[in-house]
Protein backbone atom coordinates (compact mmCIF):
# COMPACT_ATOMS: atom_id res chain seq x y z
CA MET A 1 30.23 -133.57 109.23
CA PHE A 2 27.12 -135.38 110.29
CA PRO A 3 23.48 -134.39 108.79
CA THR A 4 20.63 -133.58 111.07
CA LYS A 5 18.90 -136.97 110.70
CA LEU A 6 22.18 -138.76 112.27
CA ILE A 7 22.89 -136.22 115.31
CA THR A 8 21.23 -138.64 117.73
CA THR A 9 22.58 -141.85 116.08
CA PRO A 10 25.78 -143.53 117.73
CA VAL A 11 27.45 -143.41 114.47
CA ILE A 12 31.08 -143.43 116.03
CA TRP A 13 29.98 -146.36 118.38
CA GLU A 14 28.76 -148.43 115.37
CA LEU A 15 31.88 -147.68 113.37
CA GLY A 16 33.91 -149.21 115.95
CA GLN A 17 31.83 -152.16 116.16
CA LYS A 18 31.32 -152.81 112.40
CA PHE A 19 35.11 -152.38 111.53
CA LYS A 20 38.42 -153.20 113.09
CA VAL A 21 39.48 -149.52 113.56
CA ILE A 22 40.49 -147.53 116.58
CA THR A 23 38.48 -144.39 116.88
CA ASN A 24 39.76 -141.30 118.71
CA VAL A 25 37.40 -138.01 118.93
CA ARG A 26 39.87 -135.04 118.66
CA GLN A 27 37.34 -132.14 118.65
CA ALA A 28 33.45 -132.21 118.38
CA SER A 29 30.84 -129.59 118.14
CA VAL A 30 27.18 -130.88 118.01
CA ASN A 31 23.90 -128.88 118.02
CA ASP A 32 20.33 -129.56 116.94
CA GLU A 33 21.28 -128.90 113.05
CA ILE A 34 24.60 -130.34 112.64
CA GLY A 35 27.54 -132.46 114.10
CA LEU A 36 31.13 -131.66 113.33
CA VAL A 37 33.68 -134.11 114.46
CA SER A 38 37.24 -134.43 114.07
CA LEU A 39 37.93 -138.18 114.46
CA SER A 40 41.42 -140.09 114.27
CA LEU A 41 41.07 -143.61 112.81
CA ASP A 42 43.70 -146.25 113.42
CA GLY A 43 43.86 -149.67 111.71
CA GLU A 44 44.77 -151.21 108.39
CA ARG A 45 44.46 -148.94 105.50
CA GLU A 46 41.84 -151.03 103.49
CA GLU A 47 39.67 -151.47 106.80
CA ILE A 48 39.82 -147.53 107.22
CA LYS A 49 38.73 -147.24 103.53
CA ARG A 50 35.77 -149.50 104.14
CA ALA A 51 34.78 -147.69 107.36
CA VAL A 52 34.97 -144.35 105.45
CA ALA A 53 32.98 -145.63 102.56
CA TRP A 54 30.33 -146.80 105.27
CA LEU A 55 30.19 -143.23 106.84
CA GLU A 56 29.59 -141.88 103.37
CA GLU A 57 26.71 -144.21 102.71
CA LEU A 58 25.24 -143.08 105.70
CA GLY A 59 25.39 -139.29 104.70
CA VAL A 60 28.39 -138.39 106.74
CA LYS A 61 30.61 -135.81 104.84
CA VAL A 62 34.19 -137.09 105.17
CA GLU A 63 37.21 -134.91 104.69
CA PRO A 64 40.24 -137.22 105.06
CA VAL A 65 43.34 -135.59 106.51
CA GLU A 66 46.59 -137.56 106.82
CA ILE A 67 48.63 -136.24 109.83
CA GLN A 68 52.24 -137.40 110.56
CA THR A 69 53.03 -137.38 114.28
CA ILE A 70 56.53 -136.81 115.53
CA GLU A 71 57.48 -139.25 118.39
CA GLY A 72 60.34 -138.20 120.49
């Protein structure tokens, strides 16, 4: 969840530039007051932890969800 002050900031782009993670927007809803984004991150576990910590420092509320995918 992005606070109002970050709505126009390219946070997801910056995330991909600062950290060795692959971002994939699964869902998004943005208006003038709030941004809700479901974002998949792929990469080394420690790099993802660093990326999430950076998001939280910016003021982004992060609610991690681990999803197992079935390939077949």
